[in-house]
Each structure stands twice: as structure tokens, then as C-alpha cells.
């Protein structure tokens, strides 16, 4: 399974701070699922750059899963959720709801997350926090459902079989 990671950070895009969340996502996805995360980039907190990258990756079918990290908070420059909504065709609200619910058990600040998830063509796009600790916590919740979600999205599994298993 091909995975793309889009890090959204003004400082990392300028080389002022290393990107730690993006490589952590790649490491965890590789270790736990064995999936390739070779498509990565860092962009500034700019709506057009975020949206256009998501659209390009999804429309070229380069990644079944696109994970963003950063830009989901309350800062005036945090526009990742808005750019993601502009790129997706169908929203998947249960994913960010589950991520926030699990995070709320750890910190009340989780309610400040504005994460979005959705589908564009045959790609699932999920916003992750920018904080590496929060990224790991979110991946612990997300990873167990990813194989089935992507099989359904790619037409490789029947929904009925997955529902019976649950």
C-alpha cells in the first residue's frame, strides 16, 4: 500500500525546524503495517499549496492513504482542515471523531483539534496533529481500521464481509 505524508509547517518548510512528525508517521506505518511511505513533502501553512498537493496526489493515484500532519489547531495560519475539505469529495467524519475521542481521554486540549478526514477518488485523506506524541496516539487508534477502510475504498473487499466480522 502506498502512503503519502504531507507535513504542513511554516518553520519546517523554511528549514528552521526539522520535521519530526512526518518521519514518525512513516516509521510507525512501516513498522506496524509494512506499507511504503516514500511520497513525502513539507509545505508551508498555505491553503492553496496544501489543497493542490492533496489533489495532485489523489488524482494521480500515487497514494491510497494520504496523511497530513500539522495545521489543525486554532492558530490563524492553521488551514489544513479547510484545504482538506476543498480537496475531498466525500467526508469521513467518524475518523476524526474517533481520534478526538481517544485523545480526550489523555488531554482536554484534544477538543481544540479541527482534524478532517475524507475521500478523493480512491485515496483516503486524514489530518493528523503536528505534535509527535499526539501523532503516535492518533495512529494507535487509526491503524487497526486502515487496512479494511482502504480495501473498501479500492474495491478490494466487500463491505458485508467486514460488517459481519465486526
N, C-alpha and C. Protein backbone atom coordinates (compact mmCIF):
# COMPACT_ATOMS: atom_id res chain seq x y z
N UNK A 1 0.85 -1.18 0.00
CA UNK A 1 0.00 0.00 0.00
C UNK A 1 0.90 1.24 0.00
N UNK A 2 0.65 2.17 -0.89
CA UNK A 2 1.41 3.40 -0.95
C UNK A 2 0.79 4.46 -0.06
N UNK A 3 1.62 5.08 0.75
CA UNK A 3 1.18 6.11 1.68
C UNK A 3 1.95 7.39 1.40
N UNK A 4 1.24 8.52 1.39
CA UNK A 4 1.88 9.82 1.23
C UNK A 4 1.73 10.59 2.53
N UNK A 5 2.76 11.35 2.87
CA UNK A 5 2.74 12.14 4.10
C UNK A 5 3.03 13.59 3.74
N UNK A 6 2.09 14.45 4.07
CA UNK A 6 2.22 15.88 3.82
C UNK A 6 2.37 16.60 5.15
N UNK A 7 3.57 17.12 5.40
CA UNK A 7 3.81 17.89 6.62
C UNK A 7 3.51 19.35 6.32
N UNK A 8 2.68 19.95 7.15
CA UNK A 8 2.30 21.35 6.99
C UNK A 8 2.93 22.14 8.13
N UNK A 9 3.93 22.96 7.78
CA UNK A 9 4.64 23.74 8.79
C UNK A 9 5.41 24.86 8.13
N UNK A 10 5.14 26.08 8.54
CA UNK A 10 5.89 27.22 8.02
C UNK A 10 7.38 27.07 8.33
N UNK A 11 7.70 26.79 9.60
CA UNK A 11 9.11 26.74 10.01
C UNK A 11 9.85 25.56 9.37
N UNK A 12 9.23 24.41 9.30
CA UNK A 12 9.90 23.26 8.67
C UNK A 12 10.08 23.48 7.17
N UNK A 13 9.11 24.12 6.53
CA UNK A 13 9.23 24.37 5.09
C UNK A 13 10.36 25.36 4.78
N UNK A 14 10.69 26.23 5.75
CA UNK A 14 11.80 27.18 5.59
C UNK A 14 13.12 26.61 6.07
N UNK A 15 13.12 25.39 6.60
CA UNK A 15 14.34 24.78 7.10
C UNK A 15 14.76 25.26 8.47
N UNK A 16 13.86 25.94 9.18
CA UNK A 16 14.19 26.47 10.51
C UNK A 16 14.00 25.43 11.61
N UNK A 17 13.25 24.39 11.34
CA UNK A 17 12.97 23.35 12.33
C UNK A 17 12.84 22.03 11.58
N UNK A 18 13.45 20.97 12.09
CA UNK A 18 13.30 19.68 11.40
C UNK A 18 11.87 19.16 11.53
N UNK A 19 11.43 18.46 10.50
CA UNK A 19 10.12 17.80 10.54
C UNK A 19 10.30 16.51 11.32
N UNK A 20 9.65 16.40 12.48
CA UNK A 20 9.75 15.18 13.28
C UNK A 20 8.49 14.33 13.15
N UNK A 21 7.34 14.96 12.94
CA UNK A 21 6.08 14.21 12.88
C UNK A 21 5.98 13.38 11.60
N UNK A 22 6.35 13.93 10.45
CA UNK A 22 6.27 13.20 9.19
C UNK A 22 7.09 11.91 9.21
N UNK A 23 8.39 11.99 9.58
CA UNK A 23 9.19 10.77 9.68
C UNK A 23 8.65 9.77 10.71
N UNK A 24 8.08 10.27 11.79
CA UNK A 24 7.49 9.38 12.80
C UNK A 24 6.30 8.62 12.21
N UNK A 25 5.46 9.30 11.46
CA UNK A 25 4.33 8.63 10.79
C UNK A 25 4.85 7.53 9.87
N UNK A 26 5.85 7.86 9.06
CA UNK A 26 6.41 6.87 8.12
C UNK A 26 6.97 5.67 8.87
N UNK A 27 7.66 5.93 9.96
CA UNK A 27 8.24 4.84 10.75
C UNK A 27 7.15 3.94 11.32
N UNK A 28 6.13 4.51 11.93
CA UNK A 28 5.07 3.72 12.55
C UNK A 28 4.28 2.95 11.50
N UNK A 29 3.92 3.60 10.40
CA UNK A 29 3.17 2.93 9.34
C UNK A 29 3.99 1.77 8.76
N UNK A 30 5.28 2.01 8.56
CA UNK A 30 6.15 0.96 8.03
C UNK A 30 6.29 -0.21 8.99
N UNK A 31 6.52 0.09 10.27
CA UNK A 31 6.71 -0.97 11.26
C UNK A 31 5.43 -1.77 11.51
N UNK A 32 4.30 -1.07 11.63
CA UNK A 32 3.07 -1.74 12.05
C UNK A 32 2.28 -2.32 10.89
N UNK A 33 2.39 -1.72 9.70
CA UNK A 33 1.61 -2.20 8.56
C UNK A 33 2.47 -2.69 7.40
N UNK A 34 3.74 -2.34 7.41
CA UNK A 34 4.63 -2.73 6.31
C UNK A 34 4.37 -1.97 5.02
N UNK A 35 3.75 -0.80 5.13
CA UNK A 35 3.41 -0.02 3.95
C UNK A 35 4.51 0.98 3.63
N UNK A 36 4.65 1.30 2.35
CA UNK A 36 5.67 2.21 1.85
C UNK A 36 5.21 3.66 1.99
N UNK A 37 6.02 4.47 2.64
CA UNK A 37 5.73 5.90 2.81
C UNK A 37 6.79 6.73 2.09
N UNK A 38 7.03 6.43 0.83
CA UNK A 38 8.11 7.10 0.11
C UNK A 38 7.72 8.46 -0.46
N UNK A 39 6.43 8.77 -0.51
CA UNK A 39 5.98 10.05 -1.05
C UNK A 39 5.73 11.00 0.12
N UNK A 40 6.66 11.93 0.32
CA UNK A 40 6.56 12.89 1.42
C UNK A 40 6.99 14.26 0.93
N UNK A 41 6.41 15.27 1.55
CA UNK A 41 6.87 16.63 1.30
C UNK A 41 6.45 17.51 2.46
N UNK A 42 7.09 18.67 2.55
CA UNK A 42 6.79 19.67 3.57
C UNK A 42 6.36 20.94 2.85
N UNK A 43 5.22 21.48 3.25
CA UNK A 43 4.72 22.73 2.67
C UNK A 43 4.42 23.72 3.78
N UNK A 44 4.42 25.01 3.47
CA UNK A 44 4.02 26.00 4.48
C UNK A 44 2.51 25.95 4.72
N UNK A 45 2.09 26.61 5.77
CA UNK A 45 0.66 26.70 6.11
C UNK A 45 -0.04 27.63 5.12
N UNK A 46 -0.18 27.17 3.89
CA UNK A 46 -0.82 27.95 2.84
C UNK A 46 -1.90 27.10 2.18
N UNK A 47 -3.12 27.60 2.23
CA UNK A 47 -4.30 26.88 1.75
C UNK A 47 -4.09 26.27 0.37
N UNK A 48 -3.67 27.08 -0.60
CA UNK A 48 -3.53 26.60 -1.98
C UNK A 48 -2.50 25.49 -2.10
N UNK A 49 -1.37 25.64 -1.43
CA UNK A 49 -0.31 24.61 -1.50
C UNK A 49 -0.79 23.29 -0.92
N UNK A 50 -1.48 23.36 0.20
CA UNK A 50 -1.99 22.14 0.84
C UNK A 50 -3.03 21.48 -0.06
N UNK A 51 -4.04 22.24 -0.46
CA UNK A 51 -5.11 21.71 -1.31
C UNK A 51 -4.56 21.13 -2.60
N UNK A 52 -3.70 21.88 -3.27
CA UNK A 52 -3.18 21.43 -4.57
C UNK A 52 -2.34 20.16 -4.44
N UNK A 53 -1.57 20.03 -3.37
CA UNK A 53 -0.78 18.81 -3.17
C UNK A 53 -1.69 17.62 -2.94
N UNK A 54 -2.71 17.79 -2.11
CA UNK A 54 -3.65 16.69 -1.85
C UNK A 54 -4.35 16.26 -3.14
N UNK A 55 -4.80 17.22 -3.91
CA UNK A 55 -5.48 16.91 -5.17
C UNK A 55 -4.54 16.19 -6.13
N UNK A 56 -3.32 16.70 -6.28
CA UNK A 56 -2.36 16.09 -7.19
C UNK A 56 -2.08 14.64 -6.80
N UNK A 57 -1.83 14.39 -5.52
CA UNK A 57 -1.51 13.04 -5.08
C UNK A 57 -2.70 12.10 -5.25
N UNK A 58 -3.90 12.56 -4.90
CA UNK A 58 -5.08 11.70 -5.03
C UNK A 58 -5.44 11.46 -6.49
N UNK A 59 -5.43 12.49 -7.30
CA UNK A 59 -5.84 12.36 -8.69
C UNK A 59 -4.85 11.53 -9.52
N UNK A 60 -3.60 11.52 -9.13
CA UNK A 60 -2.61 10.72 -9.85
C UNK A 60 -2.57 9.28 -9.35
N UNK A 61 -3.38 8.98 -8.32
CA UNK A 61 -3.46 7.64 -7.74
C UNK A 61 -2.10 7.18 -7.23
N UNK A 62 -1.32 8.13 -6.72
CA UNK A 62 0.02 7.82 -6.23
C UNK A 62 -0.01 7.27 -4.81
N UNK A 63 -1.13 7.46 -4.09
CA UNK A 63 -1.21 7.00 -2.70
C UNK A 63 -2.64 6.61 -2.36
N UNK A 64 -2.79 5.45 -1.78
CA UNK A 64 -4.10 5.02 -1.29
C UNK A 64 -4.46 5.77 -0.03
N UNK A 65 -3.44 6.14 0.74
CA UNK A 65 -3.62 6.85 2.01
C UNK A 65 -2.74 8.08 1.99
N UNK A 66 -3.34 9.23 2.30
CA UNK A 66 -2.59 10.48 2.41
C UNK A 66 -2.81 10.99 3.83
N UNK A 67 -1.72 11.09 4.59
CA UNK A 67 -1.79 11.60 5.95
C UNK A 67 -1.12 12.96 5.99
N UNK A 68 -1.84 13.93 6.52
CA UNK A 68 -1.23 15.24 6.74
C UNK A 68 -0.86 15.33 8.21
N UNK A 69 0.11 16.15 8.51
CA UNK A 69 0.47 16.41 9.89
C UNK A 69 0.72 17.90 10.04
N UNK A 70 0.05 18.49 11.03
CA UNK A 70 0.20 19.91 11.30
C UNK A 70 -0.92 20.75 10.74
N UNK A 71 -1.06 21.94 11.30
CA UNK A 71 -2.01 22.92 10.79
C UNK A 71 -3.46 22.66 11.15
N UNK A 72 -3.72 21.92 12.23
CA UNK A 72 -5.10 21.58 12.59
C UNK A 72 -5.60 22.28 13.84
N UNK A 73 -4.82 23.22 14.35
CA UNK A 73 -5.18 23.88 15.60
C UNK A 73 -5.92 25.19 15.39
N UNK A 74 -5.78 26.07 16.36
CA UNK A 74 -6.51 27.34 16.37
C UNK A 74 -5.70 28.52 15.86
N UNK A 75 -4.44 28.32 15.57
CA UNK A 75 -3.61 29.42 15.08
C UNK A 75 -4.22 30.00 13.81
N UNK A 76 -4.11 31.31 13.62
CA UNK A 76 -4.68 31.90 12.40
C UNK A 76 -4.15 31.29 11.10
N UNK A 77 -2.92 30.75 11.11
CA UNK A 77 -2.37 30.16 9.89
C UNK A 77 -2.70 28.67 9.74
N UNK A 78 -3.36 28.07 10.72
CA UNK A 78 -3.74 26.66 10.65
C UNK A 78 -4.93 26.49 9.72
N UNK A 79 -4.66 26.10 8.47
CA UNK A 79 -5.72 25.98 7.45
C UNK A 79 -5.79 24.59 6.83
N UNK A 80 -5.10 23.62 7.43
CA UNK A 80 -5.11 22.27 6.86
C UNK A 80 -6.52 21.70 6.75
N UNK A 81 -7.38 21.83 7.76
CA UNK A 81 -8.74 21.28 7.61
C UNK A 81 -9.52 21.92 6.47
N UNK A 82 -9.40 23.22 6.32
CA UNK A 82 -10.12 23.91 5.24
C UNK A 82 -9.59 23.49 3.87
N UNK A 83 -8.28 23.36 3.75
CA UNK A 83 -7.69 22.92 2.48
C UNK A 83 -8.08 21.47 2.18
N UNK A 84 -8.15 20.66 3.21
CA UNK A 84 -8.55 19.27 3.02
C UNK A 84 -10.00 19.19 2.56
N UNK A 85 -10.87 19.95 3.20
CA UNK A 85 -12.29 19.97 2.77
C UNK A 85 -12.43 20.40 1.32
N UNK A 86 -11.58 21.32 0.88
CA UNK A 86 -11.63 21.78 -0.51
C UNK A 86 -11.14 20.70 -1.47
N UNK A 87 -10.33 19.76 -0.99
CA UNK A 87 -9.77 18.72 -1.84
C UNK A 87 -10.63 17.46 -1.88
N UNK A 88 -11.31 17.14 -0.79
CA UNK A 88 -12.03 15.86 -0.74
C UNK A 88 -13.37 15.94 -1.46
N UNK A 89 -13.86 14.77 -1.85
CA UNK A 89 -15.16 14.66 -2.49
C UNK A 89 -16.23 14.18 -1.51
N UNK A 90 -15.80 13.36 -0.54
CA UNK A 90 -16.72 12.85 0.48
C UNK A 90 -16.02 12.90 1.82
N UNK A 91 -16.69 13.40 2.84
CA UNK A 91 -16.12 13.47 4.17
C UNK A 91 -16.29 12.13 4.88
N UNK A 92 -15.36 11.83 5.77
CA UNK A 92 -15.41 10.62 6.61
C UNK A 92 -15.35 11.07 8.06
N UNK A 93 -16.45 11.60 8.60
CA UNK A 93 -16.42 12.24 9.92
C UNK A 93 -16.12 11.31 11.08
N UNK A 94 -16.39 10.02 10.94
CA UNK A 94 -16.15 9.09 12.03
C UNK A 94 -14.68 8.99 12.41
N UNK A 95 -13.80 9.18 11.44
CA UNK A 95 -12.36 9.05 11.73
C UNK A 95 -11.89 10.15 12.67
N UNK A 96 -12.07 11.43 12.35
CA UNK A 96 -11.61 12.45 13.30
C UNK A 96 -12.38 12.42 14.62
N UNK A 97 -13.65 12.00 14.57
CA UNK A 97 -14.40 11.87 15.82
C UNK A 97 -13.74 10.84 16.73
N UNK A 98 -13.35 9.70 16.17
CA UNK A 98 -12.70 8.65 16.96
C UNK A 98 -11.33 9.10 17.46
N UNK A 99 -10.58 9.81 16.63
CA UNK A 99 -9.27 10.28 17.04
C UNK A 99 -9.38 11.29 18.18
N UNK A 100 -10.33 12.21 18.07
CA UNK A 100 -10.52 13.19 19.14
C UNK A 100 -11.01 12.53 20.42
N UNK A 101 -11.94 11.59 20.30
CA UNK A 101 -12.48 10.92 21.48
C UNK A 101 -11.38 10.20 22.24
N UNK A 102 -10.52 9.49 21.54
CA UNK A 102 -9.43 8.79 22.20
C UNK A 102 -8.45 9.77 22.82
N UNK A 103 -8.17 10.85 22.13
CA UNK A 103 -7.24 11.85 22.64
C UNK A 103 -7.80 12.59 23.85
N UNK A 104 -9.10 12.76 23.90
CA UNK A 104 -9.71 13.43 25.04
C UNK A 104 -9.48 12.67 26.35
N UNK A 105 -9.31 11.38 26.26
CA UNK A 105 -9.01 10.58 27.46
C UNK A 105 -7.61 10.89 27.98
N UNK A 106 -6.79 11.51 27.15
CA UNK A 106 -5.41 11.83 27.51
C UNK A 106 -5.25 13.29 27.88
N UNK A 107 -5.88 14.18 27.09
CA UNK A 107 -5.78 15.62 27.35
C UNK A 107 -7.05 16.33 26.90
N UNK A 108 -7.47 17.27 27.69
CA UNK A 108 -8.64 18.07 27.33
C UNK A 108 -8.36 18.97 26.12
N UNK A 109 -7.10 19.21 25.84
CA UNK A 109 -6.75 20.04 24.68
C UNK A 109 -7.13 19.38 23.35
N UNK A 110 -7.42 18.09 23.39
CA UNK A 110 -7.80 17.39 22.16
C UNK A 110 -9.07 17.99 21.55
N UNK A 111 -9.91 18.59 22.37
CA UNK A 111 -11.14 19.18 21.82
C UNK A 111 -10.85 20.40 20.95
N UNK A 112 -9.61 20.87 20.98
CA UNK A 112 -9.23 22.00 20.14
C UNK A 112 -8.75 21.57 18.75
N UNK A 113 -8.68 20.27 18.54
CA UNK A 113 -8.26 19.77 17.23
C UNK A 113 -9.38 19.94 16.21
N UNK A 114 -9.02 20.38 15.01
CA UNK A 114 -10.01 20.57 13.94
C UNK A 114 -9.77 19.59 12.81
N UNK A 115 -9.25 18.41 13.11
CA UNK A 115 -8.94 17.40 12.11
C UNK A 115 -10.13 17.08 11.22
N UNK A 116 -9.82 16.74 9.97
CA UNK A 116 -10.81 16.35 8.97
C UNK A 116 -10.30 15.07 8.31
N UNK A 117 -11.20 14.25 7.85
CA UNK A 117 -10.83 13.08 7.04
C UNK A 117 -11.85 12.95 5.92
N UNK A 118 -11.40 12.45 4.80
CA UNK A 118 -12.32 12.27 3.69
C UNK A 118 -11.69 11.52 2.53
N UNK A 119 -12.46 11.39 1.49
CA UNK A 119 -12.08 10.59 0.33
C UNK A 119 -12.04 11.48 -0.91
N UNK A 120 -11.00 11.31 -1.68
CA UNK A 120 -10.93 11.90 -3.01
C UNK A 120 -10.53 10.77 -3.95
N UNK A 121 -11.41 10.50 -4.90
CA UNK A 121 -11.22 9.39 -5.84
C UNK A 121 -11.02 8.11 -5.05
N UNK A 122 -9.83 7.51 -5.14
CA UNK A 122 -9.57 6.25 -4.43
C UNK A 122 -8.55 6.42 -3.31
N UNK A 123 -8.44 7.65 -2.81
CA UNK A 123 -7.49 7.94 -1.73
C UNK A 123 -8.24 8.40 -0.48
N UNK A 124 -7.80 7.90 0.66
CA UNK A 124 -8.29 8.36 1.95
C UNK A 124 -7.31 9.40 2.46
N UNK A 125 -7.83 10.56 2.83
CA UNK A 125 -7.01 11.65 3.35
C UNK A 125 -7.39 11.88 4.80
N UNK A 126 -6.40 11.87 5.70
CA UNK A 126 -6.65 12.05 7.12
C UNK A 126 -5.69 13.09 7.67
N UNK A 127 -6.24 14.09 8.35
CA UNK A 127 -5.42 15.08 9.04
C UNK A 127 -4.98 14.52 10.38
N UNK A 128 -3.69 14.66 10.66
CA UNK A 128 -3.11 14.26 11.94
C UNK A 128 -2.58 15.52 12.62
N UNK A 129 -2.43 15.47 13.93
CA UNK A 129 -1.85 16.62 14.63
C UNK A 129 -0.38 16.82 14.22
N UNK A 130 0.18 17.92 14.62
CA UNK A 130 1.59 18.19 14.33
C UNK A 130 2.52 17.73 15.44
N UNK A 131 1.99 17.52 16.62
CA UNK A 131 2.78 17.10 17.77
C UNK A 131 3.10 15.61 17.67
N UNK A 132 4.38 15.22 17.70
CA UNK A 132 4.72 13.80 17.55
C UNK A 132 4.05 12.87 18.56
N UNK A 133 3.91 13.29 19.82
CA UNK A 133 3.24 12.46 20.82
C UNK A 133 1.78 12.24 20.42
N UNK A 134 1.11 13.29 19.99
CA UNK A 134 -0.28 13.18 19.56
C UNK A 134 -0.40 12.35 18.28
N UNK A 135 0.58 12.45 17.40
CA UNK A 135 0.59 11.64 16.17
C UNK A 135 0.59 10.16 16.54
N UNK A 136 1.46 9.76 17.45
CA UNK A 136 1.54 8.36 17.85
C UNK A 136 0.21 7.90 18.46
N UNK A 137 -0.35 8.72 19.34
CA UNK A 137 -1.63 8.37 19.96
C UNK A 137 -2.74 8.22 18.92
N UNK A 138 -2.76 9.11 17.94
CA UNK A 138 -3.77 9.03 16.88
C UNK A 138 -3.57 7.80 16.01
N UNK A 139 -2.32 7.49 15.68
CA UNK A 139 -2.06 6.31 14.86
C UNK A 139 -2.44 5.02 15.58
N UNK A 140 -2.30 4.99 16.91
CA UNK A 140 -2.73 3.82 17.67
C UNK A 140 -4.22 3.54 17.46
N UNK A 141 -5.00 4.59 17.28
CA UNK A 141 -6.44 4.45 17.06
C UNK A 141 -6.74 4.15 15.59
N UNK A 142 -6.03 4.81 14.69
CA UNK A 142 -6.33 4.73 13.27
C UNK A 142 -5.84 3.45 12.60
N UNK A 143 -4.67 2.99 12.93
CA UNK A 143 -4.05 1.86 12.23
C UNK A 143 -4.93 0.61 12.18
N UNK A 144 -5.60 0.23 13.27
CA UNK A 144 -6.39 -1.01 13.18
C UNK A 144 -7.50 -1.00 12.12
N UNK A 145 -8.01 0.16 11.75
CA UNK A 145 -9.10 0.21 10.76
C UNK A 145 -8.61 0.50 9.34
N UNK A 146 -7.37 0.91 9.18
CA UNK A 146 -6.88 1.32 7.86
C UNK A 146 -6.92 0.21 6.81
N UNK A 147 -6.45 -1.00 7.10
CA UNK A 147 -6.48 -2.00 6.03
C UNK A 147 -7.88 -2.22 5.46
N UNK A 148 -8.86 -2.37 6.33
CA UNK A 148 -10.23 -2.61 5.85
C UNK A 148 -10.78 -1.37 5.12
N UNK A 149 -10.53 -0.19 5.67
CA UNK A 149 -11.02 1.04 5.03
C UNK A 149 -10.47 1.17 3.63
N UNK A 150 -9.19 0.91 3.45
CA UNK A 150 -8.58 1.07 2.13
C UNK A 150 -8.99 -0.05 1.19
N UNK A 151 -9.20 -1.24 1.70
CA UNK A 151 -9.72 -2.32 0.84
C UNK A 151 -11.09 -1.95 0.31
N UNK A 152 -11.94 -1.41 1.16
CA UNK A 152 -13.28 -0.98 0.72
C UNK A 152 -13.16 0.13 -0.32
N UNK A 153 -12.35 1.10 -0.04
CA UNK A 153 -12.20 2.25 -0.92
C UNK A 153 -11.64 1.85 -2.28
N UNK A 154 -10.75 0.90 -2.29
CA UNK A 154 -10.11 0.47 -3.53
C UNK A 154 -10.90 -0.64 -4.22
N UNK A 155 -12.03 -1.05 -3.63
CA UNK A 155 -12.86 -2.07 -4.25
C UNK A 155 -12.31 -3.47 -4.11
N UNK A 156 -11.47 -3.68 -3.10
CA UNK A 156 -10.82 -4.98 -2.93
C UNK A 156 -11.50 -5.84 -1.87
N UNK A 157 -12.53 -5.33 -1.23
CA UNK A 157 -13.23 -6.09 -0.20
C UNK A 157 -14.71 -5.77 -0.28
N UNK A 158 -15.49 -6.67 0.16
CA UNK A 158 -16.93 -6.43 0.21
C UNK A 158 -17.29 -5.89 1.57
N UNK A 159 -18.07 -4.85 1.61
CA UNK A 159 -18.47 -4.24 2.87
C UNK A 159 -19.18 -5.23 3.78
N UNK A 160 -19.99 -6.11 3.19
CA UNK A 160 -20.76 -7.04 4.00
C UNK A 160 -19.87 -7.94 4.83
N UNK A 161 -18.74 -8.38 4.26
CA UNK A 161 -17.84 -9.27 4.97
C UNK A 161 -17.24 -8.56 6.18
N UNK A 162 -16.87 -7.31 6.00
CA UNK A 162 -16.30 -6.53 7.11
C UNK A 162 -17.32 -6.29 8.21
N UNK A 163 -18.55 -6.02 7.83
CA UNK A 163 -19.58 -5.77 8.84
C UNK A 163 -19.92 -7.04 9.61
N UNK A 164 -19.91 -8.19 8.93
CA UNK A 164 -20.18 -9.44 9.63
C UNK A 164 -19.07 -9.72 10.64
N UNK A 165 -17.83 -9.39 10.29
CA UNK A 165 -16.71 -9.66 11.19
C UNK A 165 -16.81 -8.81 12.46
N UNK A 166 -17.35 -7.63 12.34
CA UNK A 166 -17.48 -6.75 13.49
C UNK A 166 -18.55 -7.30 14.39
